N, C-alpha and C. Protein backbone atom coordinates (compact mmCIF):
# COMPACT_ATOMS: atom_id res chain seq x y z
N MET A 1 -7.83 16.68 -19.34
CA MET A 1 -8.58 15.63 -18.68
C MET A 1 -8.37 14.30 -19.39
N LYS A 2 -8.26 14.32 -20.70
CA LYS A 2 -8.13 13.10 -21.46
C LYS A 2 -6.79 12.40 -21.16
N ALA A 3 -5.73 13.19 -20.98
CA ALA A 3 -4.42 12.60 -20.66
C ALA A 3 -4.45 11.88 -19.32
N LYS A 4 -5.19 12.44 -18.36
CA LYS A 4 -5.30 11.81 -17.04
C LYS A 4 -6.00 10.46 -17.14
N ILE A 5 -7.03 10.38 -17.95
CA ILE A 5 -7.75 9.12 -18.13
C ILE A 5 -6.86 8.09 -18.79
N LEU A 6 -6.13 8.49 -19.83
CA LEU A 6 -5.24 7.56 -20.51
C LEU A 6 -4.11 7.09 -19.59
N ARG A 7 -3.64 7.97 -18.72
CA ARG A 7 -2.58 7.61 -17.77
C ARG A 7 -3.08 6.55 -16.79
N ASN A 8 -4.33 6.71 -16.33
CA ASN A 8 -4.89 5.74 -15.40
C ASN A 8 -5.17 4.41 -16.08
N VAL A 9 -5.56 4.43 -17.34
CA VAL A 9 -5.76 3.19 -18.09
C VAL A 9 -4.43 2.45 -18.23
N ALA A 10 -3.36 3.17 -18.50
CA ALA A 10 -2.04 2.56 -18.60
C ALA A 10 -1.60 1.99 -17.25
N ARG A 11 -1.91 2.69 -16.16
CA ARG A 11 -1.56 2.20 -14.83
C ARG A 11 -2.31 0.90 -14.53
N LYS A 12 -3.59 0.87 -14.86
CA LYS A 12 -4.38 -0.34 -14.62
C LYS A 12 -3.86 -1.51 -15.44
N LYS A 13 -3.41 -1.23 -16.64
CA LYS A 13 -2.83 -2.28 -17.49
C LYS A 13 -1.54 -2.82 -16.87
N ARG A 14 -0.69 -1.92 -16.36
CA ARG A 14 0.53 -2.34 -15.66
C ARG A 14 0.19 -3.15 -14.42
N HIS A 15 -0.84 -2.69 -13.69
CA HIS A 15 -1.25 -3.37 -12.47
C HIS A 15 -1.71 -4.80 -12.75
N MET A 16 -2.49 -4.99 -13.80
CA MET A 16 -2.94 -6.33 -14.15
C MET A 16 -1.77 -7.22 -14.58
N ARG A 17 -0.79 -6.65 -15.24
CA ARG A 17 0.40 -7.41 -15.63
C ARG A 17 1.18 -7.84 -14.39
N ILE A 18 1.29 -6.94 -13.42
CA ILE A 18 1.98 -7.25 -12.17
C ILE A 18 1.20 -8.31 -11.39
N ARG A 19 -0.13 -8.17 -11.34
CA ARG A 19 -0.96 -9.09 -10.56
C ARG A 19 -0.97 -10.50 -11.14
N SER A 20 -0.68 -10.63 -12.44
CA SER A 20 -0.62 -11.97 -13.01
C SER A 20 0.60 -12.74 -12.48
N LYS A 21 1.59 -12.01 -11.96
CA LYS A 21 2.81 -12.63 -11.47
C LYS A 21 2.90 -12.65 -9.95
N ILE A 22 2.20 -11.74 -9.27
CA ILE A 22 2.29 -11.61 -7.81
C ILE A 22 0.98 -12.06 -7.18
N SER A 23 1.11 -12.89 -6.18
CA SER A 23 -0.08 -13.33 -5.45
C SER A 23 0.30 -13.51 -3.98
N GLY A 24 -0.59 -13.14 -3.09
CA GLY A 24 -0.34 -13.27 -1.67
C GLY A 24 -0.80 -14.62 -1.15
N THR A 25 -0.01 -15.23 -0.29
CA THR A 25 -0.37 -16.50 0.32
C THR A 25 -0.59 -16.28 1.81
N HIS A 26 -0.94 -17.35 2.51
CA HIS A 26 -1.14 -17.24 3.95
C HIS A 26 0.19 -16.95 4.65
N GLN A 27 1.28 -17.56 4.18
CA GLN A 27 2.59 -17.33 4.80
C GLN A 27 3.16 -15.97 4.42
N ARG A 28 2.89 -15.53 3.20
CA ARG A 28 3.45 -14.26 2.71
C ARG A 28 2.36 -13.49 1.95
N PRO A 29 1.52 -12.74 2.67
CA PRO A 29 0.42 -12.02 2.01
C PRO A 29 0.93 -10.83 1.18
N ARG A 30 0.03 -10.27 0.41
CA ARG A 30 0.37 -9.18 -0.52
C ARG A 30 0.05 -7.83 0.11
N LEU A 31 1.02 -6.92 0.08
CA LEU A 31 0.81 -5.54 0.52
C LEU A 31 0.45 -4.73 -0.72
N CYS A 32 -0.78 -4.30 -0.81
CA CYS A 32 -1.31 -3.61 -1.97
C CYS A 32 -1.42 -2.11 -1.68
N VAL A 33 -0.99 -1.28 -2.63
CA VAL A 33 -0.98 0.17 -2.46
C VAL A 33 -1.93 0.81 -3.47
N TYR A 34 -2.72 1.77 -3.00
CA TYR A 34 -3.51 2.61 -3.89
C TYR A 34 -3.32 4.04 -3.43
N ARG A 35 -3.11 4.93 -4.39
CA ARG A 35 -2.97 6.34 -4.03
C ARG A 35 -3.86 7.18 -4.92
N SER A 36 -4.46 8.17 -4.30
CA SER A 36 -5.21 9.16 -5.05
C SER A 36 -4.50 10.49 -4.85
N LEU A 37 -5.06 11.55 -5.36
CA LEU A 37 -4.42 12.85 -5.19
C LEU A 37 -4.44 13.30 -3.73
N ASN A 38 -5.47 12.90 -2.98
CA ASN A 38 -5.62 13.39 -1.62
C ASN A 38 -5.32 12.37 -0.54
N HIS A 39 -5.26 11.09 -0.86
CA HIS A 39 -5.10 10.07 0.17
C HIS A 39 -4.24 8.91 -0.32
N VAL A 40 -3.76 8.11 0.63
CA VAL A 40 -2.99 6.91 0.35
C VAL A 40 -3.63 5.77 1.13
N TYR A 41 -3.80 4.64 0.48
CA TYR A 41 -4.42 3.48 1.10
C TYR A 41 -3.50 2.28 0.93
N ALA A 42 -3.45 1.40 1.93
CA ALA A 42 -2.65 0.18 1.84
C ALA A 42 -3.38 -0.94 2.55
N GLN A 43 -3.28 -2.13 1.98
CA GLN A 43 -3.92 -3.31 2.56
C GLN A 43 -2.95 -4.48 2.51
N ILE A 44 -3.10 -5.38 3.46
CA ILE A 44 -2.38 -6.64 3.40
C ILE A 44 -3.44 -7.71 3.15
N ILE A 45 -3.29 -8.44 2.02
CA ILE A 45 -4.34 -9.32 1.53
C ILE A 45 -3.82 -10.75 1.38
N ASP A 46 -4.61 -11.71 1.83
CA ASP A 46 -4.37 -13.12 1.58
C ASP A 46 -5.20 -13.49 0.36
N ASP A 47 -4.56 -13.64 -0.80
CA ASP A 47 -5.29 -13.89 -2.04
C ASP A 47 -5.88 -15.29 -2.12
N GLU A 48 -5.31 -16.25 -1.39
CA GLU A 48 -5.84 -17.61 -1.42
C GLU A 48 -7.25 -17.65 -0.81
N LYS A 49 -7.45 -16.93 0.28
CA LYS A 49 -8.76 -16.91 0.93
C LYS A 49 -9.59 -15.69 0.52
N GLY A 50 -8.94 -14.68 -0.02
CA GLY A 50 -9.64 -13.47 -0.40
C GLY A 50 -9.95 -12.57 0.77
N ASN A 51 -9.11 -12.62 1.82
CA ASN A 51 -9.33 -11.83 3.03
C ASN A 51 -8.34 -10.69 3.13
N THR A 52 -8.82 -9.55 3.64
CA THR A 52 -7.94 -8.45 4.00
C THR A 52 -7.54 -8.66 5.45
N LEU A 53 -6.23 -8.80 5.69
CA LEU A 53 -5.73 -9.10 7.02
C LEU A 53 -5.45 -7.84 7.83
N ALA A 54 -5.03 -6.77 7.16
CA ALA A 54 -4.76 -5.50 7.82
C ALA A 54 -4.89 -4.39 6.79
N CYS A 55 -5.29 -3.21 7.25
CA CYS A 55 -5.40 -2.08 6.34
C CYS A 55 -5.09 -0.79 7.08
N ALA A 56 -4.65 0.20 6.32
CA ALA A 56 -4.36 1.53 6.87
C ALA A 56 -4.49 2.55 5.74
N SER A 57 -4.85 3.74 6.10
CA SER A 57 -4.93 4.83 5.12
C SER A 57 -4.78 6.16 5.83
N THR A 58 -4.70 7.20 5.03
CA THR A 58 -4.59 8.54 5.61
C THR A 58 -5.91 8.99 6.21
N LEU A 59 -6.96 8.22 6.02
CA LEU A 59 -8.24 8.54 6.62
C LEU A 59 -8.37 8.00 8.04
N ASP A 60 -7.43 7.15 8.47
CA ASP A 60 -7.45 6.64 9.84
C ASP A 60 -7.26 7.76 10.83
N ARG A 61 -7.94 7.67 11.93
CA ARG A 61 -7.94 8.73 12.93
C ARG A 61 -6.53 9.02 13.47
N GLU A 62 -5.73 7.97 13.64
CA GLU A 62 -4.39 8.14 14.19
C GLU A 62 -3.50 8.98 13.29
N ILE A 63 -3.69 8.86 11.99
CA ILE A 63 -2.86 9.58 11.02
C ILE A 63 -3.48 10.93 10.67
N ARG A 64 -4.79 10.97 10.56
CA ARG A 64 -5.48 12.18 10.13
C ARG A 64 -5.16 13.38 11.02
N ASP A 65 -4.97 13.13 12.32
CA ASP A 65 -4.68 14.22 13.25
C ASP A 65 -3.26 14.75 13.12
N LYS A 66 -2.36 13.94 12.56
CA LYS A 66 -0.94 14.31 12.49
C LYS A 66 -0.55 15.02 11.21
N ILE A 67 -1.39 14.96 10.17
CA ILE A 67 -0.99 15.48 8.87
C ILE A 67 -1.92 16.60 8.40
N LYS A 68 -1.40 17.42 7.50
CA LYS A 68 -2.21 18.46 6.89
C LYS A 68 -2.84 17.97 5.59
N HIS A 69 -2.03 17.25 4.80
CA HIS A 69 -2.49 16.75 3.50
C HIS A 69 -2.18 15.26 3.42
N GLY A 70 -3.11 14.46 2.94
CA GLY A 70 -2.95 13.02 2.93
C GLY A 70 -2.29 12.44 1.71
N GLY A 71 -1.96 13.23 0.72
CA GLY A 71 -1.41 12.68 -0.51
C GLY A 71 0.08 12.89 -0.68
N ASN A 72 0.80 13.16 0.40
CA ASN A 72 2.23 13.43 0.26
C ASN A 72 3.08 12.31 0.87
N CYS A 73 4.39 12.43 0.75
CA CYS A 73 5.31 11.39 1.20
C CYS A 73 5.29 11.22 2.72
N GLU A 74 5.17 12.31 3.44
CA GLU A 74 5.14 12.24 4.91
C GLU A 74 3.94 11.41 5.38
N ALA A 75 2.79 11.64 4.78
CA ALA A 75 1.59 10.89 5.14
C ALA A 75 1.74 9.42 4.75
N ALA A 76 2.35 9.15 3.61
CA ALA A 76 2.53 7.78 3.15
C ALA A 76 3.45 7.01 4.10
N ARG A 77 4.49 7.65 4.61
CA ARG A 77 5.39 7.00 5.56
C ARG A 77 4.63 6.61 6.84
N LEU A 78 3.77 7.50 7.31
CA LEU A 78 2.96 7.20 8.50
C LEU A 78 1.99 6.04 8.24
N VAL A 79 1.42 5.99 7.04
CA VAL A 79 0.53 4.89 6.69
C VAL A 79 1.30 3.57 6.69
N GLY A 80 2.52 3.58 6.14
CA GLY A 80 3.35 2.38 6.13
C GLY A 80 3.69 1.91 7.54
N GLN A 81 4.01 2.84 8.42
CA GLN A 81 4.33 2.47 9.80
C GLN A 81 3.11 1.92 10.53
N LEU A 82 1.95 2.55 10.33
CA LEU A 82 0.72 2.07 10.96
C LEU A 82 0.35 0.68 10.44
N LEU A 83 0.49 0.47 9.14
CA LEU A 83 0.17 -0.83 8.56
C LEU A 83 1.10 -1.91 9.10
N ALA A 84 2.38 -1.58 9.25
CA ALA A 84 3.33 -2.55 9.79
C ALA A 84 2.97 -2.91 11.23
N ARG A 85 2.55 -1.93 12.01
CA ARG A 85 2.16 -2.20 13.39
C ARG A 85 0.93 -3.12 13.44
N LYS A 86 -0.06 -2.84 12.59
CA LYS A 86 -1.25 -3.68 12.54
C LYS A 86 -0.92 -5.09 12.05
N ALA A 87 0.02 -5.18 11.12
CA ALA A 87 0.43 -6.49 10.60
C ALA A 87 1.13 -7.31 11.67
N ARG A 88 2.00 -6.67 12.44
CA ARG A 88 2.69 -7.39 13.53
C ARG A 88 1.68 -7.89 14.55
N GLU A 89 0.66 -7.10 14.86
CA GLU A 89 -0.38 -7.53 15.79
C GLU A 89 -1.15 -8.73 15.25
N ALA A 90 -1.26 -8.82 13.91
CA ALA A 90 -1.94 -9.95 13.29
C ALA A 90 -1.00 -11.13 13.06
N GLY A 91 0.28 -10.98 13.43
CA GLY A 91 1.24 -12.06 13.29
C GLY A 91 1.88 -12.16 11.92
N ILE A 92 1.89 -11.06 11.17
CA ILE A 92 2.46 -11.05 9.82
C ILE A 92 3.81 -10.33 9.87
N GLN A 93 4.84 -10.99 9.32
CA GLN A 93 6.17 -10.37 9.29
C GLN A 93 6.71 -10.21 7.88
N GLN A 94 6.33 -11.11 6.97
CA GLN A 94 6.81 -11.05 5.59
C GLN A 94 5.64 -10.82 4.65
N VAL A 95 5.83 -9.95 3.67
CA VAL A 95 4.81 -9.66 2.67
C VAL A 95 5.43 -9.60 1.29
N VAL A 96 4.58 -9.64 0.27
CA VAL A 96 4.97 -9.39 -1.11
C VAL A 96 4.45 -8.00 -1.44
N PHE A 97 5.29 -7.14 -2.00
CA PHE A 97 4.90 -5.75 -2.26
C PHE A 97 4.28 -5.62 -3.64
N ASP A 98 3.06 -5.10 -3.69
CA ASP A 98 2.34 -4.84 -4.93
C ASP A 98 2.17 -3.33 -5.05
N ARG A 99 2.93 -2.72 -5.93
CA ARG A 99 2.92 -1.26 -6.05
C ARG A 99 1.71 -0.73 -6.81
N GLY A 100 0.86 -1.61 -7.30
CA GLY A 100 -0.39 -1.20 -7.92
C GLY A 100 -0.25 -0.53 -9.27
N GLY A 101 0.86 -0.77 -9.96
CA GLY A 101 1.07 -0.15 -11.26
C GLY A 101 1.69 1.23 -11.17
N TYR A 102 1.89 1.74 -9.97
CA TYR A 102 2.52 3.05 -9.80
C TYR A 102 4.03 2.90 -9.86
N ILE A 103 4.72 3.98 -10.20
CA ILE A 103 6.17 3.99 -10.22
C ILE A 103 6.67 3.92 -8.78
N TYR A 104 7.71 3.12 -8.54
CA TYR A 104 8.28 3.01 -7.20
C TYR A 104 9.12 4.26 -6.95
N HIS A 105 8.42 5.34 -6.59
CA HIS A 105 9.05 6.64 -6.41
C HIS A 105 8.09 7.51 -5.62
N GLY A 106 8.61 8.40 -4.82
CA GLY A 106 7.76 9.36 -4.12
C GLY A 106 6.89 8.72 -3.06
N VAL A 107 5.57 8.82 -3.23
CA VAL A 107 4.61 8.37 -2.22
C VAL A 107 4.69 6.86 -2.02
N VAL A 108 4.77 6.09 -3.10
CA VAL A 108 4.82 4.63 -3.00
C VAL A 108 6.10 4.20 -2.31
N LYS A 109 7.20 4.82 -2.64
CA LYS A 109 8.48 4.50 -2.01
C LYS A 109 8.46 4.86 -0.52
N SER A 110 7.88 5.99 -0.17
CA SER A 110 7.78 6.40 1.23
C SER A 110 6.94 5.42 2.04
N LEU A 111 5.85 4.95 1.46
CA LEU A 111 5.02 3.98 2.14
C LEU A 111 5.81 2.69 2.39
N ALA A 112 6.55 2.24 1.38
CA ALA A 112 7.35 1.01 1.53
C ALA A 112 8.42 1.18 2.59
N GLU A 113 9.08 2.32 2.61
CA GLU A 113 10.11 2.57 3.61
C GLU A 113 9.52 2.64 5.01
N GLY A 114 8.34 3.25 5.15
CA GLY A 114 7.67 3.28 6.45
C GLY A 114 7.29 1.90 6.94
N ALA A 115 6.84 1.05 6.01
CA ALA A 115 6.49 -0.32 6.39
C ALA A 115 7.74 -1.10 6.82
N ARG A 116 8.85 -0.87 6.12
CA ARG A 116 10.10 -1.53 6.51
C ARG A 116 10.57 -1.04 7.87
N GLU A 117 10.44 0.26 8.12
CA GLU A 117 10.82 0.80 9.42
C GLU A 117 9.95 0.19 10.52
N GLY A 118 8.69 -0.10 10.21
CA GLY A 118 7.78 -0.68 11.17
C GLY A 118 8.03 -2.16 11.43
N GLY A 119 8.86 -2.79 10.60
CA GLY A 119 9.22 -4.17 10.87
C GLY A 119 8.77 -5.18 9.83
N LEU A 120 8.13 -4.74 8.74
CA LEU A 120 7.74 -5.69 7.70
C LEU A 120 8.95 -6.02 6.83
N ASP A 121 9.00 -7.25 6.35
CA ASP A 121 10.10 -7.71 5.51
C ASP A 121 9.57 -8.01 4.11
N PHE A 122 10.10 -7.30 3.12
CA PHE A 122 9.78 -7.59 1.71
C PHE A 122 10.89 -7.10 0.82
């Protein structure tokens, strides 16, 4: 249990280092990723105003019916595609990708690929 806590502290430290360099604007908002063991969450955020412009997760009804488990790559790809669709409806085409301190591999990479397939540019 102690190793898990230390791993999350290191992730949060990486995330703060990334966030000091990445910021979302009105023209190019930030796509933020959070993953837990059971679910994947993504938001598109305008940091200048502090508004969430679009969000999607494995808890959304559209995705929940299609998947068995919400913490895998297949579910993350669906979340990315749903988020891209919601972003296009809000008039967003370009974003800055914030991986949240996670390694760009597996679930995070699948979410990014799904968002790209959905039409987001980053």
